[in-house]
Protein backbone atom coordinates (compact mmCIF):
# COMPACT_ATOMS: atom_id res chain seq x y z
CA MET A 1 7.30 -22.80 -23.42
CA ALA A 2 9.37 -21.88 -20.43
CA ALA A 3 8.34 -18.88 -18.39
CA ASN A 4 10.91 -16.18 -17.99
CA PRO A 5 11.64 -15.36 -14.35
CA PRO A 6 10.86 -11.78 -13.32
CA ALA A 7 13.81 -9.43 -13.42
CA ARG A 8 15.27 -8.48 -10.08
CA GLY A 9 14.98 -4.86 -9.07
CA THR A 10 11.88 -4.18 -11.11
CA ALA A 11 10.32 -0.83 -10.40
CA ARG A 12 7.46 -0.79 -7.90
CA LEU A 13 4.18 0.45 -9.18
CA PRO A 14 2.93 3.54 -7.35
CA LEU A 15 -0.31 3.44 -5.42
CA PRO A 16 -3.30 4.34 -7.57
CA ALA A 17 -4.70 7.82 -7.09
CA ALA A 18 -8.01 6.41 -5.81
CA THR A 19 -6.17 4.48 -3.07
CA LEU A 20 -4.29 7.58 -2.00
CA LEU A 21 -7.46 9.68 -1.99
CA LEU A 22 -9.40 7.10 0.01
CA THR A 23 -6.54 6.75 2.49
CA ALA A 24 -6.42 10.52 2.95
CA VAL A 25 -10.20 10.69 3.50
CA TYR A 26 -10.08 7.85 6.06
CA ALA A 27 -7.14 9.45 7.85
CA ALA A 28 -8.85 12.85 7.96
CA GLY A 29 -12.04 11.32 9.31
CA ALA A 30 -10.09 9.38 11.93
CA VAL A 31 -8.25 12.52 13.06
CA VAL A 32 -11.52 14.44 13.40
CA ALA A 33 -13.06 11.56 15.36
CA LEU A 34 -10.03 11.34 17.65
CA LEU A 35 -9.94 15.09 18.30
CA LEU A 36 -13.62 15.98 18.49
CA GLY A 37 -15.53 12.76 19.03
CA ASP A 38 -16.99 11.11 22.08
CA PRO A 39 -15.35 7.90 23.35
CA ALA A 40 -17.25 5.64 20.93
CA GLN A 41 -16.25 7.78 17.95
CA ARG A 42 -12.64 7.79 19.14
CA LEU A 43 -12.69 4.01 19.27
CA VAL A 44 -14.05 3.87 15.73
CA GLY A 45 -11.34 6.34 14.64
CA LEU A 46 -8.65 4.09 16.10
CA GLY A 47 -10.19 1.14 14.31
CA VAL A 48 -10.15 3.01 11.00
CA VAL A 49 -6.48 3.89 11.48
CA ALA A 50 -5.61 0.28 12.34
CA VAL A 51 -7.50 -1.21 9.38
CA THR A 52 -6.09 1.34 6.94
CA ALA A 53 -2.54 0.72 8.13
CA ALA A 54 -3.02 -3.05 7.89
CA ARG A 55 -4.41 -2.81 4.37
CA LEU A 56 -1.54 -0.62 3.20
CA ALA A 57 0.99 -2.96 4.81
CA ALA A 58 -0.66 -5.97 3.13
CA ARG A 59 -0.64 -4.19 -0.20
CA ARG A 60 3.04 -3.41 0.21
CA ALA A 61 3.84 -7.03 1.07
CA VAL A 62 1.97 -8.29 -2.00
CA ARG A 63 3.83 -5.83 -4.22
CA ARG A 64 7.13 -7.14 -2.85
CA GLY A 65 6.14 -10.61 -3.98
CA ALA A 66 5.26 -12.17 -0.65
CA ALA A 67 2.22 -14.38 -0.49
CA PRO A 68 -0.76 -12.67 1.18
CA TRP A 69 -1.01 -15.46 3.77
CA SER A 70 2.66 -15.32 4.83
């Protein structure tokens, strides 16, 4: 059997509610750490923001069809 190629312009699936909730919690914690924390907590807050942004960007790239290693 031949596989049918995926249709172009297929609708993107929205982010799951759990992903959105977790992203919002991480972002809120990072903002609090950046505003109220000591230097070590600010550094951790920046790390959380960087990792969260990277994970969302990777998820978006995978949804577009790019290989995760590209």
